[in-house]
Amino acid sequence: MAERDKLILHRRSLLGVLATGGVAVAAAAAHATAHASPAAESRTDKAKARYHVTDDIKAYYRVNRYPARKE
């Protein structure tokens, strides 16, 4: 019976270590994302156009267009 108690104790301690490690990793990830500073952009970078109509975008709109209504 004593061996079984030791085995249960080891399992419980392992689960405790895993839970504590998971919490620590989650806290570190949250801290890293909260304090990540974005790269500084100049005024011209902020003002430039970022949306470019390419052939892929034209094809997407063509394929996903609703059919014309017949009235």
Protein backbone atom coordinates (compact mmCIF):
# COMPACT_ATOMS: atom_id res chain seq x y z
CA MET A 1 0.00 0.00 0.00
CA ALA A 2 2.90 2.33 0.71
CA GLU A 3 4.13 2.07 -2.90
CA ARG A 4 0.71 3.01 -4.18
CA ASP A 5 0.61 6.10 -1.96
CA LYS A 6 4.03 7.17 -3.26
CA LEU A 7 2.83 6.69 -6.84
CA ILE A 8 -0.25 8.84 -6.24
CA LEU A 9 1.87 11.48 -4.60
CA HIS A 10 4.21 11.55 -7.58
CA ARG A 11 1.30 11.85 -10.02
CA ARG A 12 -0.20 14.70 -8.05
CA SER A 13 3.09 16.53 -7.81
CA LEU A 14 3.62 16.06 -11.54
CA LEU A 15 0.19 17.51 -12.28
CA GLY A 16 0.92 20.43 -9.98
CA VAL A 17 4.20 21.13 -11.73
CA LEU A 18 2.54 20.97 -15.14
CA ALA A 19 -0.25 23.31 -14.05
CA THR A 20 2.21 25.78 -12.54
CA GLY A 21 4.35 25.66 -15.67
CA GLY A 22 1.33 26.27 -17.88
CA VAL A 23 0.32 29.31 -15.87
CA ALA A 24 3.88 30.64 -16.00
CA VAL A 25 4.07 30.23 -19.77
CA ALA A 26 0.70 31.92 -20.27
CA ALA A 27 1.74 34.84 -18.06
CA ALA A 28 5.03 35.23 -19.92
CA ALA A 29 3.27 35.20 -23.28
CA ALA A 30 0.73 37.78 -22.13
CA HIS A 31 3.53 39.97 -20.77
CA ALA A 32 5.50 39.72 -24.01
CA THR A 33 2.54 40.66 -26.22
CA ALA A 34 1.44 43.50 -23.96
CA HIS A 35 4.85 45.14 -23.99
CA ALA A 36 5.70 44.60 -27.64
CA SER A 37 6.13 47.98 -29.24
CA PRO A 38 5.25 48.33 -32.91
CA ALA A 39 7.92 49.50 -35.29
CA ALA A 40 7.96 53.26 -35.61
CA GLU A 41 6.42 54.41 -38.88
CA SER A 42 7.16 57.71 -40.50
CA ARG A 43 4.41 60.05 -41.65
CA THR A 44 4.84 58.99 -45.26
CA ASP A 45 4.60 55.31 -44.33
CA LYS A 46 1.36 55.95 -42.45
CA ALA A 47 -0.14 57.92 -45.34
CA LYS A 48 0.74 55.58 -48.19
CA ALA A 49 -1.88 53.35 -49.75
CA ARG A 50 -1.82 49.78 -48.53
CA TYR A 51 -4.63 48.28 -50.55
CA HIS A 52 -3.64 47.30 -54.07
CA VAL A 53 -6.10 45.87 -56.55
CA THR A 54 -4.37 42.87 -58.05
CA ASP A 55 -5.60 40.18 -60.39
CA ASP A 56 -6.19 37.87 -57.41
CA ILE A 57 -8.43 40.43 -55.73
CA LYS A 58 -10.34 41.05 -58.96
CA ALA A 59 -10.89 37.31 -59.35
CA TYR A 60 -12.11 37.04 -55.74
CA TYR A 61 -14.70 39.77 -56.25
CA ARG A 62 -15.75 38.29 -59.60
CA VAL A 63 -16.26 34.81 -58.16
CA ASN A 64 -18.01 35.95 -54.99
CA ARG A 65 -20.34 38.44 -56.64
CA TYR A 66 -24.04 37.94 -56.05
CA PRO A 67 -25.98 37.04 -59.17
CA ALA A 68 -27.99 39.83 -60.74
CA ARG A 69 -31.58 40.06 -59.54
CA LYS A 70 -34.28 39.29 -62.04
CA GLU A 71 -37.29 41.48 -61.55
